[in-house]
Protein backbone atom coordinates (compact mmCIF):
# COMPACT_ATOMS: atom_id res chain seq x y z
CA MET A 1 0.00 0.00 0.00
CA PRO A 2 1.35 3.51 -0.78
CA ASP A 3 2.45 5.66 2.14
CA PRO A 4 -0.28 8.31 2.49
CA GLN A 5 2.41 10.88 3.27
CA GLN A 6 4.26 10.23 0.01
CA ARG A 7 3.63 11.98 -3.22
CA PRO A 8 1.59 9.89 -5.67
CA TRP A 9 3.07 6.40 -6.06
CA GLY A 10 6.32 7.23 -4.29
CA THR A 11 7.60 10.16 -6.39
CA ARG A 12 10.39 11.01 -3.94
CA GLY A 13 13.85 10.77 -5.45
CA PHE A 14 12.76 11.32 -9.06
CA THR A 15 14.30 13.94 -11.31
CA GLY A 16 12.07 16.71 -12.61
CA GLY A 17 11.48 14.92 -15.89
CA GLN A 18 10.84 11.59 -14.21
CA LEU A 19 8.46 13.25 -11.76
CA ARG A 20 6.48 14.81 -14.61
CA VAL A 21 6.16 11.39 -16.23
CA ARG A 22 5.17 9.88 -12.89
CA LEU A 23 2.48 12.50 -12.34
CA SER A 24 1.30 12.00 -15.92
CA ALA A 25 0.87 8.35 -15.01
CA VAL A 26 -1.29 9.40 -12.08
CA HIS A 27 -3.63 11.36 -14.33
CA SER A 28 -3.78 8.55 -16.88
CA GLN A 29 -4.48 6.07 -14.09
CA ILE A 30 -7.33 8.24 -12.80
CA THR A 31 -8.99 8.14 -16.21
CA LEU A 32 -8.35 4.41 -16.53
CA MET A 33 -9.71 3.50 -13.13
CA ASN A 34 -12.77 5.74 -13.52
CA THR A 35 -13.76 3.54 -16.45
CA LEU A 36 -12.22 0.27 -15.33
CA LEU A 37 -13.56 -0.34 -11.85
CA PRO A 38 -17.25 0.12 -12.59
CA VAL A 39 -16.89 -2.07 -15.67
CA ILE A 40 -15.20 -4.82 -13.64
CA ALA A 41 -17.89 -4.48 -11.02
CA LEU A 42 -20.59 -4.65 -13.68
CA SER A 43 -19.08 -7.75 -15.24
CA LEU A 44 -19.11 -9.47 -11.84
CA ALA A 45 -22.52 -8.23 -10.81
CA VAL A 46 -25.00 -10.05 -13.03
CA VAL A 47 -26.05 -13.54 -13.90
CA ALA A 48 -26.87 -15.45 -17.06
CA GLY A 49 -27.50 -19.00 -18.10
CA GLY A 50 -27.29 -21.20 -21.17
CA HIS A 51 -23.57 -20.79 -21.89
CA ALA A 52 -21.90 -22.22 -18.80
CA ALA A 53 -19.43 -25.10 -18.96
CA ASN A 54 -20.26 -25.69 -15.29
CA PRO A 55 -23.62 -24.43 -14.01
CA ASN A 56 -22.31 -24.35 -10.43
CA PRO A 57 -18.52 -23.83 -10.43
CA LEU A 58 -18.50 -22.62 -6.81
CA GLY A 59 -20.09 -25.84 -5.59
CA LEU A 60 -22.95 -23.99 -3.91
CA PRO A 61 -25.89 -25.93 -2.47
CA PRO A 62 -28.38 -26.17 -5.35
CA GLU A 63 -30.97 -24.03 -3.60
CA VAL A 64 -28.37 -21.33 -2.89
CA ASN A 65 -27.20 -21.32 -6.49
CA ALA A 66 -30.79 -20.98 -7.71
CA GLN A 67 -31.61 -18.15 -5.28
CA ILE A 68 -28.42 -16.25 -6.18
CA HIS A 69 -29.41 -16.39 -9.84
CA ALA A 70 -32.95 -15.23 -9.04
CA ALA A 71 -31.75 -12.41 -6.79
CA LEU A 72 -29.30 -11.05 -9.33
CA GLU A 73 -31.85 -11.18 -12.13
CA ALA A 74 -34.29 -9.21 -9.97
CA ASN A 75 -31.52 -6.73 -9.26
CA TYR A 76 -31.00 -6.07 -12.95
CA GLN A 77 -34.68 -5.35 -13.31
CA MET A 78 -34.17 -2.85 -10.43
CA ASP A 79 -36.64 -4.91 -8.41
CA TYR A 80 -34.67 -4.57 -5.19
CA GLU A 81 -37.36 -5.91 -2.86
CA THR A 82 -37.59 -9.18 -4.76
CA GLY A 83 -33.81 -9.46 -4.85
CA LEU A 84 -33.57 -9.00 -1.09
CA ALA A 85 -36.32 -11.56 -0.53
CA GLU A 86 -34.50 -14.12 -2.68
CA LEU A 87 -31.31 -13.64 -0.66
CA GLU A 88 -33.12 -13.70 2.65
CA ALA A 89 -34.33 -17.19 1.82
CA VAL A 90 -30.74 -18.51 1.88
CA GLN A 91 -29.27 -16.47 4.74
CA GLN A 92 -28.65 -19.62 6.78
CA TRP A 93 -25.78 -20.40 4.36
CA ALA A 94 -24.29 -16.90 4.44
CA ASP A 95 -21.56 -17.73 6.98
CA SER A 96 -20.06 -20.32 4.65
CA HIS A 97 -20.86 -18.67 1.31
CA PRO A 98 -19.81 -15.00 1.03
CA VAL A 99 -21.44 -14.75 -2.40
CA ILE A 100 -24.74 -14.37 -0.50
CA VAL A 101 -23.35 -11.40 1.44
CA PHE A 102 -22.00 -10.01 -1.82
CA GLY A 103 -25.51 -10.25 -3.26
CA ASP A 104 -26.72 -7.90 -0.51
CA LEU A 105 -23.93 -5.49 -1.45
CA LEU A 106 -24.93 -5.57 -5.11
CA ILE A 107 -28.44 -4.44 -4.28
CA GLU A 108 -27.13 -1.50 -2.25
CA TRP A 109 -24.61 -0.70 -4.98
CA TRP A 110 -27.27 -0.62 -7.69
CA LYS A 111 -29.43 1.67 -5.57
CA VAL A 112 -26.50 4.07 -5.39
CA THR A 113 -25.40 3.86 -9.00
CA ALA A 114 -28.89 3.97 -10.52
CA ALA A 115 -29.46 7.28 -8.73
CA ALA A 116 -25.84 8.46 -9.20
CA TRP A 117 -25.43 9.02 -5.46
CA GLU A 118 -21.73 8.07 -5.36
CA GLU A 119 -20.55 11.54 -4.34
CA ASP A 120 -22.91 11.80 -1.36
CA GLU A 121 -21.29 9.87 1.49
CA ASP A 122 -24.44 9.91 3.64
CA LEU A 123 -26.55 8.33 0.89
CA CYS A 124 -23.75 5.82 0.29
CA ALA A 125 -23.53 4.76 3.94
CA PRO A 126 -25.64 1.55 3.56
CA MET A 127 -23.59 0.53 0.52
CA LEU A 128 -20.26 1.19 2.26
CA ALA A 129 -21.39 -0.83 5.27
CA ALA A 130 -22.31 -3.67 2.89
CA VAL A 131 -18.80 -3.47 1.38
CA ASP A 132 -17.29 -4.04 4.81
CA ARG A 133 -19.58 -7.03 5.43
CA SER A 134 -18.76 -8.55 2.03
CA LEU A 135 -15.00 -8.17 2.51
CA ALA A 136 -15.22 -9.65 6.01
CA ALA A 137 -17.22 -12.63 4.73
CA ALA A 138 -14.73 -13.21 1.91
CA GLU A 139 -11.76 -12.98 4.28
CA ARG A 140 -13.30 -15.54 6.64
CA LEU A 141 -13.57 -18.08 3.83
CA ILE A 142 -10.05 -17.26 2.60
CA GLU A 143 -8.70 -17.89 6.12
CA GLN A 144 -10.42 -21.29 6.05
CA GLY A 145 -8.62 -22.26 2.83
CA ASP A 146 -11.12 -21.09 0.18
CA PRO A 147 -11.40 -24.50 -1.53
CA THR A 148 -13.51 -23.33 -4.50
CA GLY A 149 -12.10 -19.80 -4.92
CA GLU A 150 -15.38 -18.22 -3.81
CA GLY A 151 -13.67 -16.08 -1.17
CA HIS A 152 -11.14 -14.57 -3.57
CA PHE A 153 -13.79 -14.17 -6.26
CA VAL A 154 -16.06 -12.23 -3.89
CA LYS A 155 -13.16 -10.21 -2.52
CA GLY A 156 -12.06 -9.20 -6.03
CA ALA A 157 -15.59 -8.18 -7.01
CA THR A 158 -16.13 -6.27 -3.77
CA LEU A 159 -12.86 -4.40 -4.19
CA GLY A 160 -14.01 -3.41 -7.66
CA LEU A 161 -17.11 -1.77 -6.20
CA GLN A 162 -15.14 -0.15 -3.40
CA GLY A 163 -12.62 1.21 -5.89
CA ARG A 164 -15.39 2.70 -7.96
CA TRP A 165 -16.59 4.67 -4.94
CA HIS A 166 -13.07 5.91 -4.16
CA ILE A 167 -12.62 7.04 -7.76
CA LYS A 168 -15.87 8.98 -7.73
CA ASN A 169 -14.73 10.70 -4.54
CA ARG A 170 -11.20 11.40 -5.84
CA HIS A 171 -9.35 9.10 -3.45
CA TRP A 172 -6.69 8.38 -6.07
CA ARG A 173 -4.10 6.44 -4.04
CA LYS A 174 -6.70 4.11 -2.62
CA SER A 175 -8.26 3.50 -6.03
CA TYR A 176 -4.88 2.61 -7.56
CA SER A 177 -4.10 0.08 -4.84
CA ILE A 178 -7.61 -1.38 -4.84
CA GLY A 179 -7.63 -1.88 -8.61
CA LYS A 180 -4.54 -4.03 -8.46
CA GLN A 181 -5.85 -5.98 -5.47
CA ALA A 182 -9.12 -6.65 -7.32
CA LYS A 183 -7.27 -8.24 -10.22
CA GLU A 184 -4.92 -10.20 -7.95
CA ASN A 185 -7.83 -11.75 -6.09
CA LEU A 186 -9.59 -12.73 -9.30
CA GLU A 187 -6.37 -14.37 -10.53
CA LYS A 188 -6.08 -16.26 -7.25
CA ALA A 189 -9.69 -17.44 -7.55
CA LEU A 190 -8.91 -18.81 -11.00
CA GLU A 191 -5.73 -20.47 -9.75
CA ILE A 192 -7.76 -22.27 -7.08
CA ASN A 193 -10.64 -23.13 -9.39
CA PRO A 194 -9.78 -23.28 -13.12
CA GLU A 195 -13.47 -23.82 -13.91
CA LEU A 196 -14.35 -20.38 -12.53
CA TYR A 197 -14.29 -18.86 -16.01
CA ASP A 198 -16.21 -15.84 -14.72
CA ALA A 199 -12.94 -14.54 -13.24
CA TYR A 200 -11.57 -14.07 -16.77
CA SER A 201 -14.07 -11.27 -17.31
CA GLY A 202 -12.67 -8.88 -14.73
CA ILE A 203 -9.06 -9.88 -15.44
CA GLY A 204 -9.51 -9.45 -19.19
CA ILE A 205 -11.22 -6.08 -18.93
CA TYR A 206 -8.53 -4.87 -16.51
CA ASP A 207 -5.78 -5.96 -18.93
CA TYR A 208 -7.61 -4.31 -21.82
CA PHE A 209 -7.66 -0.91 -20.14
CA VAL A 210 -4.08 -1.13 -18.88
CA ALA A 211 -2.93 -1.97 -22.41
CA LYS A 212 -4.68 1.19 -23.61
CA LEU A 213 -2.37 3.35 -21.48
CA PRO A 214 0.74 4.94 -23.02
CA GLY A 215 3.82 2.72 -22.78
CA VAL A 216 5.62 5.03 -20.38
CA VAL A 217 2.68 4.92 -17.98
CA ARG A 218 2.61 1.12 -18.10
CA PHE A 219 6.35 1.10 -17.37
CA PHE A 220 6.03 3.17 -14.21
CA ALA A 221 2.71 1.92 -12.85
CA PHE A 222 1.95 -1.45 -14.51
CA SER A 223 5.27 -3.11 -15.28
CA GLY A 224 4.76 -6.63 -16.62
CA GLN A 225 1.17 -6.04 -17.75
CA PRO A 226 0.07 -7.09 -21.27
CA ALA A 227 0.59 -4.42 -23.93
CA ASP A 228 -2.06 -5.58 -26.42
CA PRO A 229 -5.72 -4.69 -25.70
CA ALA A 230 -6.76 -7.68 -27.82
CA ASP A 231 -5.33 -10.03 -25.20
CA GLY A 232 -7.70 -8.63 -22.60
CA MET A 233 -10.64 -8.82 -24.97
CA LYS A 234 -9.90 -12.50 -25.64
CA MET A 235 -10.13 -13.22 -21.91
CA ALA A 236 -13.43 -11.38 -21.65
CA GLU A 237 -14.75 -13.30 -24.65
CA LEU A 238 -13.71 -16.58 -22.98
CA SER A 239 -15.89 -15.66 -20.00
CA LEU A 240 -18.75 -14.99 -22.43
CA GLU A 241 -18.32 -18.47 -23.85
CA LYS A 242 -17.82 -20.46 -20.65
CA GLY A 243 -18.83 -18.29 -17.72
CA THR A 244 -21.71 -19.00 -15.35
CA TYR A 245 -22.43 -15.83 -13.43
CA THR A 246 -21.03 -13.06 -15.62
CA VAL A 247 -22.15 -13.71 -19.20
CA VAL A 248 -24.76 -10.95 -19.23
CA GLY A 249 -22.57 -8.63 -17.17
CA THR A 250 -19.59 -9.11 -19.46
CA ARG A 251 -21.73 -8.37 -22.49
CA ALA A 252 -22.96 -5.16 -20.85
CA ALA A 253 -19.40 -4.24 -19.86
CA LEU A 254 -18.17 -4.74 -23.43
CA ALA A 255 -21.06 -2.64 -24.69
CA LEU A 256 -19.87 0.16 -22.41
CA ILE A 257 -16.31 -0.26 -23.70
CA TYR A 258 -17.52 0.09 -27.28
CA LEU A 259 -19.56 3.16 -26.30
CA ARG A 260 -17.04 5.00 -24.12
CA THR A 261 -13.58 3.78 -25.18
CA GLU A 262 -13.74 2.34 -28.68
CA LEU A 263 -16.32 4.93 -29.77
CA ASN A 264 -18.12 2.25 -31.74
CA PRO A 265 -21.83 2.69 -30.90
CA ALA A 266 -22.87 0.34 -33.71
CA LYS A 267 -21.01 -2.59 -32.12
CA ALA A 268 -22.28 -1.54 -28.70
CA ASN A 269 -25.84 -1.48 -29.98
CA GLU A 270 -25.54 -5.05 -31.30
CA MET A 271 -24.65 -6.22 -27.80
CA ILE A 272 -27.37 -4.11 -26.22
CA ASP A 273 -29.95 -5.58 -28.61
CA THR A 274 -28.94 -9.04 -27.39
CA LEU A 275 -29.27 -7.95 -23.77
CA ILE A 276 -32.71 -6.45 -24.29
CA ALA A 277 -33.86 -9.53 -26.20
CA GLU A 278 -33.04 -11.54 -23.06
CA TYR A 279 -34.13 -8.90 -20.52
CA PRO A 280 -36.73 -6.67 -22.20
CA HIS A 281 -37.95 -5.28 -18.87
CA SER A 282 -34.55 -4.01 -17.69
CA PRO A 283 -34.51 -0.21 -17.32
CA PHE A 284 -30.71 -0.31 -17.19
CA PHE A 285 -30.31 -2.00 -20.56
CA GLY A 286 -32.91 0.40 -21.92
CA SER A 287 -30.78 3.33 -20.79
CA LEU A 288 -27.74 1.83 -22.55
CA ARG A 289 -29.75 1.63 -25.76
CA LEU A 290 -30.63 5.33 -25.45
CA ILE A 291 -26.92 6.23 -25.33
CA ALA A 292 -26.03 4.02 -28.30
CA LEU A 293 -28.89 5.25 -30.52
CA TYR A 294 -28.14 8.88 -29.66
CA ASP A 295 -24.47 8.45 -30.56
CA LEU A 296 -25.52 6.71 -33.78
CA ASN A 297 -27.71 9.73 -34.60
CA LYS A 298 -30.83 7.61 -35.08
CA PRO A 299 -33.68 9.80 -33.83
CA GLU A 300 -36.40 7.57 -35.29
CA ALA A 301 -34.98 4.52 -33.51
CA LEU A 302 -34.67 6.65 -30.37
CA ALA A 303 -38.34 7.56 -30.64
CA ALA A 304 -39.24 3.86 -31.04
CA GLU A 305 -37.20 2.99 -27.94
CA ALA A 306 -38.85 5.80 -26.00
CA ALA A 307 -42.24 4.42 -27.01
CA ARG A 308 -41.20 0.90 -25.99
CA GLN A 309 -40.13 2.12 -22.56
CA ALA A 310 -43.33 4.15 -22.18
CA GLY A 311 -45.32 1.00 -22.91
CA LEU A 312 -43.36 -0.98 -20.32
CA LEU A 313 -43.99 1.73 -17.76
CA ALA A 314 -47.72 1.81 -18.53
CA GLU A 315 -47.93 -2.00 -18.26
CA GLY A 316 -46.13 -2.03 -14.91
CA HIS A 317 -42.95 -3.71 -16.19
CA PHE A 318 -40.89 -0.61 -15.39
CA PRO A 319 -41.19 0.63 -11.79
CA ALA A 320 -42.88 4.00 -11.31
CA GLU A 321 -39.51 5.43 -10.29
CA ARG A 322 -38.42 5.12 -13.94
CA THR A 323 -41.00 7.70 -15.10
CA ALA A 324 -38.38 10.42 -15.48
CA GLN A 325 -36.22 8.06 -17.56
CA VAL A 326 -39.12 7.33 -19.91
CA LEU A 327 -39.98 11.01 -20.34
CA PHE A 328 -36.31 11.86 -20.79
CA ALA A 329 -36.12 9.23 -23.53
CA GLU A 330 -39.03 10.90 -25.32
CA GLY A 331 -37.32 14.27 -25.06
CA LEU A 332 -33.98 12.84 -26.18
CA ALA A 333 -35.44 11.63 -29.49
CA HIS A 334 -36.74 15.13 -30.22
CA PHE A 335 -33.49 16.70 -28.98
CA ARG A 336 -31.41 14.56 -31.37
CA GLN A 337 -33.70 15.60 -34.21
CA GLN A 338 -33.34 19.24 -33.10
CA ASP A 339 -37.06 19.57 -32.55
CA TRP A 340 -36.36 21.90 -29.66
CA ALA A 341 -39.94 22.76 -28.69
CA ALA A 342 -41.08 19.12 -28.47
CA ALA A 343 -37.89 18.18 -26.63
CA ASP A 344 -38.36 20.93 -24.08
CA GLN A 345 -41.96 19.89 -23.48
CA ALA A 346 -40.93 16.29 -22.74
CA TYR A 347 -37.99 17.37 -20.60
CA ALA A 348 -40.25 19.66 -18.56
CA LYS A 349 -42.46 16.64 -17.82
CA ALA A 350 -39.38 14.60 -16.85
CA VAL A 351 -38.30 17.28 -14.39
CA ALA A 352 -41.80 17.45 -12.92
CA ALA A 353 -42.10 13.66 -12.64
CA GLY A 354 -38.65 13.08 -11.17
CA ASN A 355 -37.06 14.05 -7.90
CA PRO A 356 -33.66 15.40 -6.81
CA SER A 357 -32.30 11.85 -6.49
CA ASP A 358 -33.12 10.96 -10.10
CA PRO A 359 -30.25 11.44 -12.57
CA PHE A 360 -32.66 11.73 -15.49
CA THR A 361 -34.16 14.80 -13.83
CA THR A 362 -30.73 16.42 -13.76
CA TRP A 363 -30.05 15.48 -17.38
CA ALA A 364 -33.44 16.86 -18.45
CA LYS A 365 -32.60 20.15 -16.72
CA LEU A 366 -29.22 20.29 -18.46
CA HIS A 367 -30.79 19.75 -21.88
CA ARG A 368 -33.42 22.42 -21.16
CA GLY A 369 -30.51 24.79 -20.65
CA ASN A 370 -29.05 23.65 -23.97
CA ILE A 371 -32.36 24.41 -25.68
CA LEU A 372 -32.42 27.91 -24.20
CA ASP A 373 -28.92 28.46 -25.58
CA VAL A 374 -30.09 27.41 -29.05
CA GLN A 375 -33.01 29.81 -28.71
CA GLY A 376 -30.64 32.65 -27.81
CA ASN A 377 -31.77 33.01 -24.19
CA ARG A 378 -28.30 32.89 -22.69
CA LYS A 379 -29.26 34.41 -19.35
CA ALA A 380 -31.93 31.78 -18.66
CA ALA A 381 -29.63 29.01 -19.90
CA ARG A 382 -26.88 30.07 -17.51
CA ALA A 383 -29.35 30.08 -14.63
CA ILE A 384 -30.19 26.45 -15.38
CA TYR A 385 -26.52 25.47 -15.64
CA ARG A 386 -25.85 27.05 -12.25
CA ASP A 387 -28.76 25.07 -10.83
CA VAL A 388 -27.40 21.83 -12.34
CA ARG A 389 -24.02 22.51 -10.74
CA THR A 390 -25.66 22.64 -7.30
CA SER A 391 -26.98 19.10 -7.82
CA LEU A 392 -25.01 15.90 -7.44
CA ASN A 393 -22.84 15.14 -10.44
CA ARG A 394 -24.79 12.68 -12.60
CA TRP A 395 -22.67 10.99 -15.29
CA GLY A 396 -20.78 14.19 -16.10
CA THR A 397 -23.54 16.78 -15.68
CA GLU A 398 -21.46 18.94 -13.34
CA ARG A 399 -18.60 19.13 -15.80
CA LEU A 400 -20.89 19.82 -18.76
CA ALA A 401 -22.76 22.53 -16.87
CA LYS A 402 -19.43 24.17 -16.02
CA ASP A 403 -18.41 24.06 -19.69
CA TYR A 404 -21.74 25.50 -20.83
CA LEU A 405 -21.49 28.34 -18.33
CA ARG A 406 -18.30 29.32 -20.13
CA ASP A 407 -19.34 28.54 -23.71
CA ALA A 408 -22.92 28.32 -24.93
CA PHE A 409 -24.19 24.94 -26.15
CA ASP A 410 -23.61 24.57 -29.90
CA PRO A 411 -25.40 21.62 -31.58
CA ALA A 412 -22.70 21.36 -34.23
CA LEU A 413 -20.01 20.83 -31.61
CA ASN A 414 -21.79 19.39 -28.57
CA GLN A 415 -24.43 17.06 -29.98
CA VAL A 416 -22.18 14.30 -31.32
CA ARG A 417 -22.17 12.12 -28.19
CA LEU A 418 -24.56 12.03 -25.28
CA LEU A 419 -22.10 11.54 -22.42
CA PRO A 420 -18.90 13.56 -21.96
CA ASP A 421 -15.49 12.01 -22.55
CA ASP A 422 -14.05 10.08 -19.62
C-alpha cells in the first residue's frame, strides 16, 4: 500500500522529468480507473444461463445457487425488494458462502449507481457498510482455505465496487491500490478453481484498459502487464463463452467499452440488442440503448425505444420510479432531431415527474438549458446550468454545466455524443 504521506506512487527521489512522467501516469491512471472499476464491477454483478461449462462452479448448495441467480436477475430489473427476498431465503448459508453477502452489497450498490449518489457519502452509507460485510465474509472463507475460490472471487468483485466509490470521490491512491488488489484476487480465484471462467471477465477487462495506457505509464505503474488490448478482450470473450455468473454482465461491460472507449456505438448497440432480447424489462439495458442510438444519430430509432419504454412503464414492467427516464427518452429523441420545442416539453415533464435523487431529472434540466442556448436566451440558460451545478454530479452533468457556463451549447459541436469524454 502507498504511504499516504508520500507523493503519488512514491515520487520522492525522481528527477524533474521523471516526476512529470510519474504524475502524468497518475492522471492517466485516474482516467483508466474511472472507467475500469465500474466495468469490472458490472461484469461481476450479473447472472446469465445457457452458456456455462459448469452451471455451479463454486459448488454452492443447489438451492443457494438458484436463489443467487434469481436475486441477481431481480436486481438487474431494479426490483430490489424481490432481490432481497431471494437472498433472505438462503441467509442460513451466508456464513459459509460469502457470495450471498455479496448479493446484498450488489443491491445496495445498484441503488447508489442507478441514482448516481456516489458523491454523497451519507446516501452511500448503507452501501459502504455492505462493502465491509462482504469483505469480512470473503476474508473468513479465505482464512479457512477457500477451496472453491469463492472467497477470492467475492473479494475481487467487492474491491471493484469499493474502488469505484473511491474514484468517484477522488481518493486516487486508494483506487490505484484497490484496482490491483481486485485483479490479484480474481487471478487467485482462478488459480484455485480453473473452472471459474467468470474470473476471466474482470481480469480481461482490466488488462484491456491497462494496455490502452501509453507505454511510459505502463512502465512506471503497470510493469509486466500485457501491452495488447486484444489479449484482454480475448479473456473477456472466454468468459462470455464459458462463464456461469457473468455472461450478461460481461456483455454489458463490453457494450460500455464500445460506447465509451472504442467509440463504436454500432457494435455496442448489437450487444445491447442481445441484452434487451433476453431482458426486455430491464430499465438499465434500456438506458444503454438510449446512449447508443443517440451516438448513432438515429432519432427515429430513439423515438421507437422511447415508445417501448413508455409501454413498459404503462404496463407495470418498469417501476414508477423510472417515469423520469421514460420522459427523458421521449425528449432525447426530439433533442437529437433538433425539434427543440417538443424536446423541451418532454424534458419539462421529466423534471416534474422526477425528484432530486433521479439522474434523469438532472439530465433533463441540463438539456433544457441547452435548448435555451439554441433559442438565444443565454441568461436563462446560464441560470439552469448554475442550478445543475448545485446538484449531485450525474454521469458528467457537473462538468458539462461548467463548460456551458463558459461557452454556450452549440449543436454542431456538442451534440455528437450524449455523455462527456471520460
